[in-house]
Amino acid sequence: MNQRTLGEWSVLMERVFTRGTPARERRENVERALVLVEAHAPGSAQHCHTLITAGRVLSRSEPAAALGLFDRAQQVCEAAHGRSDIRQARIALEGACALQRLGRYGEVVRVAESIWPVLAAHGQDERLAALYTIESEALAATEPESPRARAAARLAAEWNAYAVGEGRRAAACQRRGDRV
């Protein structure tokens, strides 16, 4: 990507993240940034980042469309970095949030079970807290009174307490067993 295009992409992405930007304008900016990056830097880190950002922008209003963007981001990231890269797990977490909005709870649980080891290995405490929370909510929706759902709710509460600094990790690790 040349300097002018990179500069334009940067300005568009800044507008996407600027607080107070209306949703319609945020979406237009991310769409223009995606067109730019796909034309000038396909397969790059900017391409992956823009796909993820576009997915986040659409995730609340159009979760199905967001899933498509997250899938494309997974492909770009896998081609550039391989399957076990932390970015893959982060993209999968974003996708799990969209799946939850679509009510596809079984898929949320499947994603959670597949990516927690990668997040844990990379010290992604806040993302683990988010992952355990959406997994807990998915289990509560599908099997509300099960021991598995109750255990997931406890795990989510412990990780959320830890992630906000209450330092309950040691106690959580002792009760969790195989999960870090």
C-alpha atoms as a PDB file:
ATOM      1  CA  MET A   1       0.000   0.000   0.000  1.00  0.00           C
ATOM      2  CA  ASN A   2       1.493   3.360  -0.932  1.00  0.00           C
ATOM      3  CA  GLN A   3       1.748   6.189   1.591  1.00  0.00           C
ATOM      4  CA  ARG A   4      -1.261   8.094   0.271  1.00  0.00           C
ATOM      5  CA  THR A   5      -3.515   5.034   0.336  1.00  0.00           C
ATOM      6  CA  LEU A   6      -2.207   4.009   3.748  1.00  0.00           C
ATOM      7  CA  GLY A   7      -2.896   7.517   5.017  1.00  0.00           C
ATOM      8  CA  GLU A   8      -6.447   7.457   3.656  1.00  0.00           C
ATOM      9  CA  TRP A   9      -7.018   3.994   5.177  1.00  0.00           C
ATOM     10  CA  SER A  10      -5.721   5.255   8.543  1.00  0.00           C
ATOM     11  CA  VAL A  11      -8.056   8.260   8.510  1.00  0.00           C
ATOM     12  CA  LEU A  12     -11.054   6.054   7.678  1.00  0.00           C
ATOM     13  CA  MET A  13     -10.198   3.593  10.452  1.00  0.00           C
ATOM     14  CA  GLU A  14      -9.742   6.427  12.972  1.00  0.00           C
ATOM     15  CA  ARG A  15     -13.224   7.668  12.096  1.00  0.00           C
ATOM     16  CA  VAL A  16     -14.602   4.180  12.699  1.00  0.00           C
ATOM     17  CA  PHE A  17     -13.166   4.196  16.225  1.00  0.00           C
ATOM     18  CA  THR A  18     -13.994   7.809  17.065  1.00  0.00           C
ATOM     19  CA  ARG A  19     -16.572   8.043  19.811  1.00  0.00           C
ATOM     20  CA  GLY A  20     -19.708   9.804  18.785  1.00  0.00           C
ATOM     21  CA  THR A  21     -19.462   8.759  15.140  1.00  0.00           C
ATOM     22  CA  PRO A  22     -22.972   7.839  14.000  1.00  0.00           C
ATOM     23  CA  ALA A  23     -23.480   4.157  13.151  1.00  0.00           C
ATOM     24  CA  ARG A  24     -24.249   4.873   9.487  1.00  0.00           C
ATOM     25  CA  GLU A  25     -21.050   6.914   9.079  1.00  0.00           C
ATOM     26  CA  ARG A  26     -19.028   4.309  10.966  1.00  0.00           C
ATOM     27  CA  ARG A  27     -20.277   1.633   8.571  1.00  0.00           C
ATOM     28  CA  GLU A  28     -19.569   3.769   5.483  1.00  0.00           C
ATOM     29  CA  ASN A  29     -16.016   4.469   6.676  1.00  0.00           C
ATOM     30  CA  VAL A  30     -15.225   0.822   7.360  1.00  0.00           C
ATOM     31  CA  GLU A  31     -16.687  -0.215   3.998  1.00  0.00           C
ATOM     32  CA  ARG A  32     -14.512   2.361   2.188  1.00  0.00           C
ATOM     33  CA  ALA A  33     -11.462   1.220   4.173  1.00  0.00           C
ATOM     34  CA  LEU A  34     -12.201  -2.385   3.202  1.00  0.00           C
ATOM     35  CA  VAL A  35     -12.435  -1.471  -0.504  1.00  0.00           C
ATOM     36  CA  LEU A  36      -9.100   0.362  -0.241  1.00  0.00           C
ATOM     37  CA  VAL A  37      -7.261  -2.423   1.536  1.00  0.00           C
ATOM     38  CA  GLU A  38      -8.642  -5.173  -0.696  1.00  0.00           C
ATOM     39  CA  ALA A  39      -7.501  -3.235  -3.768  1.00  0.00           C
ATOM     40  CA  HIS A  40      -4.073  -2.221  -2.485  1.00  0.00           C
ATOM     41  CA  ALA A  41      -3.016  -4.677   0.237  1.00  0.00           C
ATOM     42  CA  PRO A  42      -4.880  -7.988  -0.003  1.00  0.00           C
ATOM     43  CA  GLY A  43      -3.670 -10.550   2.502  1.00  0.00           C
ATOM     44  CA  SER A  44      -1.956  -7.944   4.671  1.00  0.00           C
ATOM     45  CA  ALA A  45      -2.288  -7.230   8.377  1.00  0.00           C
ATOM     46  CA  GLN A  46      -4.356  -4.161   7.443  1.00  0.00           C
ATOM     47  CA  HIS A  47      -6.669  -6.403   5.414  1.00  0.00           C
ATOM     48  CA  CYS A  48      -7.251  -8.730   8.353  1.00  0.00           C
ATOM     49  CA  HIS A  49      -7.670  -5.821  10.777  1.00  0.00           C
ATOM     50  CA  THR A  50     -10.161  -4.098   8.486  1.00  0.00           C
ATOM     51  CA  LEU A  51     -12.216  -7.292   8.065  1.00  0.00           C
ATOM     52  CA  ILE A  52     -12.348  -7.749  11.844  1.00  0.00           C
ATOM     53  CA  THR A  53     -13.319  -4.113  12.369  1.00  0.00           C
ATOM     54  CA  ALA A  54     -16.017  -4.340   9.694  1.00  0.00           C
ATOM     55  CA  GLY A  55     -17.336  -7.452  11.419  1.00  0.00           C
ATOM     56  CA  ARG A  56     -17.443  -5.641  14.754  1.00  0.00           C
ATOM     57  CA  VAL A  57     -19.287  -2.711  13.203  1.00  0.00           C
ATOM     58  CA  LEU A  58     -21.918  -5.064  11.746  1.00  0.00           C
ATOM     59  CA  SER A  59     -22.010  -7.535  14.626  1.00  0.00           C
ATOM     60  CA  ARG A  60     -24.861  -5.931  16.562  1.00  0.00           C
ATOM     61  CA  SER A  61     -27.122  -4.952  13.672  1.00  0.00           C
ATOM     62  CA  GLU A  62     -26.251  -7.675  11.154  1.00  0.00           C
ATOM     63  CA  PRO A  63     -24.602 -10.619  12.917  1.00  0.00           C
ATOM     64  CA  ALA A  64     -24.927 -12.950   9.916  1.00  0.00           C
ATOM     65  CA  ALA A  65     -23.044 -10.498   7.700  1.00  0.00           C
ATOM     66  CA  ALA A  66     -20.451 -10.074  10.447  1.00  0.00           C
ATOM     67  CA  LEU A  67     -19.876 -13.846  10.499  1.00  0.00           C
ATOM     68  CA  GLY A  68     -19.007 -13.725   6.805  1.00  0.00           C
ATOM     69  CA  LEU A  69     -16.437 -11.016   7.462  1.00  0.00           C
ATOM     70  CA  PHE A  70     -14.954 -12.945  10.380  1.00  0.00           C
ATOM     71  CA  ASP A  71     -14.684 -16.031   8.155  1.00  0.00           C
ATOM     72  CA  ARG A  72     -12.809 -13.998   5.544  1.00  0.00           C
ATOM     73  CA  ALA A  73     -10.555 -12.583   8.275  1.00  0.00           C
ATOM     74  CA  GLN A  74      -9.804 -16.159   9.443  1.00  0.00           C
ATOM     75  CA  GLN A  75      -8.765 -17.097   5.901  1.00  0.00           C
ATOM     76  CA  VAL A  76      -6.527 -14.056   5.469  1.00  0.00           C
ATOM     77  CA  CYS A  77      -4.947 -14.579   8.885  1.00  0.00           C
ATOM     78  CA  GLU A  78      -4.441 -18.310   8.380  1.00  0.00           C
ATOM     79  CA  ALA A  79      -2.726 -17.742   5.040  1.00  0.00           C
ATOM     80  CA  ALA A  80      -0.418 -15.161   6.602  1.00  0.00           C
ATOM     81  CA  HIS A  81       0.251 -16.636  10.040  1.00  0.00           C
ATOM     82  CA  GLY A  82      -0.974 -20.223  10.258  1.00  0.00           C
ATOM     83  CA  ARG A  83      -3.742 -21.842  12.293  1.00  0.00           C
ATOM     84  CA  SER A  84      -2.344 -21.608  15.817  1.00  0.00           C
ATOM     85  CA  ASP A  85      -1.774 -17.859  15.774  1.00  0.00           C
ATOM     86  CA  ILE A  86      -3.409 -15.891  18.597  1.00  0.00           C
ATOM     87  CA  ARG A  87      -5.165 -13.730  16.021  1.00  0.00           C
ATOM     88  CA  GLN A  88      -7.160 -16.778  14.921  1.00  0.00           C
ATOM     89  CA  ALA A  89      -8.534 -17.227  18.437  1.00  0.00           C
ATOM     90  CA  ARG A  90      -9.345 -13.533  18.721  1.00  0.00           C
ATOM     91  CA  ILE A  91     -11.264 -13.622  15.438  1.00  0.00           C
ATOM     92  CA  ALA A  92     -13.078 -16.780  16.567  1.00  0.00           C
ATOM     93  CA  LEU A  93     -14.114 -14.990  19.773  1.00  0.00           C
ATOM     94  CA  GLU A  94     -15.590 -12.144  17.718  1.00  0.00           C
ATOM     95  CA  GLY A  95     -17.425 -14.733  15.634  1.00  0.00           C
ATOM     96  CA  ALA A  96     -18.747 -16.439  18.764  1.00  0.00           C
ATOM     97  CA  CYS A  97     -20.291 -13.136  19.850  1.00  0.00           C
ATOM     98  CA  ALA A  98     -22.068 -12.877  16.490  1.00  0.00           C
ATOM     99  CA  LEU A  99     -23.206 -16.500  16.772  1.00  0.00           C
ATOM    100  CA  GLN A 100     -24.665 -15.746  20.174  1.00  0.00           C
ATOM    101  CA  ARG A 101     -26.621 -12.801  18.772  1.00  0.00           C
ATOM    102  CA  LEU A 102     -28.037 -15.196  16.176  1.00  0.00           C
ATOM    103  CA  GLY A 103     -29.069 -17.652  18.895  1.00  0.00           C
ATOM    104  CA  ARG A 104     -26.697 -20.348  17.644  1.00  0.00           C
ATOM    105  CA  TYR A 105     -25.728 -21.405  21.150  1.00  0.00           C
ATOM    106  CA  GLY A 106     -24.385 -24.859  20.324  1.00  0.00           C
ATOM    107  CA  GLU A 107     -21.862 -23.284  17.972  1.00  0.00           C
ATOM    108  CA  VAL A 108     -20.893 -20.748  20.639  1.00  0.00           C
ATOM    109  CA  VAL A 109     -20.064 -23.576  23.046  1.00  0.00           C
ATOM    110  CA  ARG A 110     -18.106 -25.438  20.354  1.00  0.00           C
ATOM    111  CA  VAL A 111     -16.045 -22.332  19.554  1.00  0.00           C
ATOM    112  CA  ALA A 112     -15.434 -21.656  23.245  1.00  0.00           C
ATOM    113  CA  GLU A 113     -14.189 -25.182  23.817  1.00  0.00           C
ATOM    114  CA  SER A 114     -11.825 -24.922  20.867  1.00  0.00           C
ATOM    115  CA  ILE A 115     -10.201 -21.544  21.547  1.00  0.00           C
ATOM    116  CA  TRP A 116      -9.844 -21.244  25.326  1.00  0.00           C
ATOM    117  CA  PRO A 117      -6.491 -23.102  25.351  1.00  0.00           C
ATOM    118  CA  VAL A 118      -5.008 -20.653  22.823  1.00  0.00           C
ATOM    119  CA  LEU A 119      -6.278 -17.615  24.724  1.00  0.00           C
ATOM    120  CA  ALA A 120      -5.006 -19.046  28.011  1.00  0.00           C
ATOM    121  CA  ALA A 121      -1.599 -19.889  26.566  1.00  0.00           C
ATOM    122  CA  HIS A 122      -1.202 -16.304  25.392  1.00  0.00           C
ATOM    123  CA  GLY A 123      -2.312 -14.710  28.670  1.00  0.00           C
ATOM    124  CA  GLN A 124      -5.482 -13.213  27.227  1.00  0.00           C
ATOM    125  CA  ASP A 125      -7.247 -12.851  30.586  1.00  0.00           C
ATOM    126  CA  GLU A 126      -9.854 -10.287  29.529  1.00  0.00           C
ATOM    127  CA  ARG A 127     -10.708 -12.272  26.417  1.00  0.00           C
ATOM    128  CA  LEU A 128     -10.981 -15.444  28.500  1.00  0.00           C
ATOM    129  CA  ALA A 129     -13.417 -13.654  30.785  1.00  0.00           C
ATOM    130  CA  ALA A 130     -15.472 -12.600  27.755  1.00  0.00           C
ATOM    131  CA  LEU A 131     -15.314 -16.095  26.280  1.00  0.00           C
ATOM    132  CA  TYR A 132     -16.385 -17.783  29.499  1.00  0.00           C
ATOM    133  CA  THR A 133     -19.231 -15.268  29.843  1.00  0.00           C
ATOM    134  CA  ILE A 134     -20.702 -15.950  26.408  1.00  0.00           C
ATOM    135  CA  GLU A 135     -20.174 -19.693  26.870  1.00  0.00           C
ATOM    136  CA  SER A 136     -22.034 -19.481  30.188  1.00  0.00           C
ATOM    137  CA  GLU A 137     -24.889 -17.529  28.594  1.00  0.00           C
ATOM    138  CA  ALA A 138     -25.100 -20.054  25.724  1.00  0.00           C
ATOM    139  CA  LEU A 139     -25.256 -22.972  28.146  1.00  0.00           C
ATOM    140  CA  ALA A 140     -27.852 -21.172  30.271  1.00  0.00           C
ATOM    141  CA  ALA A 141     -29.989 -20.790  27.151  1.00  0.00           C
ATOM    142  CA  THR A 142     -29.704 -24.430  26.088  1.00  0.00           C
ATOM    143  CA  GLU A 143     -29.414 -26.346  29.362  1.00  0.00           C
ATOM    144  CA  PRO A 144     -30.369 -23.894  32.126  1.00  0.00           C
ATOM    145  CA  GLU A 145     -30.400 -26.236  35.111  1.00  0.00           C
ATOM    146  CA  SER A 146     -27.506 -28.491  34.157  1.00  0.00           C
ATOM    147  CA  PRO A 147     -24.386 -28.844  36.300  1.00  0.00           C
ATOM    148  CA  ARG A 148     -22.374 -27.865  33.228  1.00  0.00           C
ATOM    149  CA  ALA A 149     -24.256 -24.550  32.923  1.00  0.00           C
ATOM    150  CA  ARG A 150     -23.825 -23.812  36.639  1.00  0.00           C
ATOM    151  CA  ALA A 151     -20.107 -24.613  36.448  1.00  0.00           C
ATOM    152  CA  ALA A 152     -19.759 -22.350  33.404  1.00  0.00           C
ATOM    153  CA  ALA A 153     -21.538 -19.529  35.252  1.00  0.00           C
ATOM    154  CA  ARG A 154     -19.149 -19.881  38.221  1.00  0.00           C
ATOM    155  CA  LEU A 155     -16.135 -19.938  35.885  1.00  0.00           C
ATOM    156  CA  ALA A 156     -17.358 -16.811  34.080  1.00  0.00           C
ATOM    157  CA  ALA A 157     -17.926 -14.998  37.385  1.00  0.00           C
ATOM    158  CA  GLU A 158     -14.463 -15.936  38.660  1.00  0.00           C
ATOM    159  CA  TRP A 159     -12.710 -14.853  35.468  1.00  0.00           C
ATOM    160  CA  ASN A 160     -14.641 -11.613  35.296  1.00  0.00           C
ATOM    161  CA  ALA A 161     -13.686 -10.851  38.897  1.00  0.00           C
ATOM    162  CA  TYR A 162     -10.071 -11.648  38.102  1.00  0.00           C
ATOM    163  CA  ALA A 163     -10.053  -9.652  34.868  1.00  0.00           C
ATOM    164  CA  VAL A 164     -11.206  -6.536  36.701  1.00  0.00           C
ATOM    165  CA  GLY A 165      -8.426  -6.927  39.208  1.00  0.00           C
ATOM    166  CA  GLU A 166      -9.902  -8.618  42.247  1.00  0.00           C
ATOM    167  CA  GLY A 167      -7.127 -11.223  42.068  1.00  0.00           C
ATOM    168  CA  ARG A 168      -9.175 -14.365  42.454  1.00  0.00           C
ATOM    169  CA  ARG A 169      -7.172 -16.321  39.908  1.00  0.00           C
ATOM    170  CA  ALA A 170      -5.575 -18.722  42.380  1.00  0.00           C
ATOM    171  CA  ALA A 171      -8.932 -19.734  43.820  1.00  0.00           C
ATOM    172  CA  ALA A 172     -10.416 -19.992  40.338  1.00  0.00           C
ATOM    173  CA  CYS A 173      -7.550 -22.186  39.149  1.00  0.00           C
ATOM    174  CA  GLN A 174      -7.964 -24.561  42.107  1.00  0.00           C
ATOM    175  CA  ARG A 175     -11.689 -25.026  41.453  1.00  0.00           C
ATOM    176  CA  ARG A 176     -11.426 -25.128  37.665  1.00  0.00           C
ATOM    177  CA  GLY A 177      -9.332 -28.264  37.361  1.00  0.00           C
ATOM    178  CA  ASP A 178      -8.153 -28.610  33.772  1.00  0.00           C
ATOM    179  CA  ARG A 179      -8.993 -25.065  32.698  1.00  0.00           C
ATOM    180  CA  VAL A 180      -6.477 -22.322  33.231  1.00  0.00           C
END
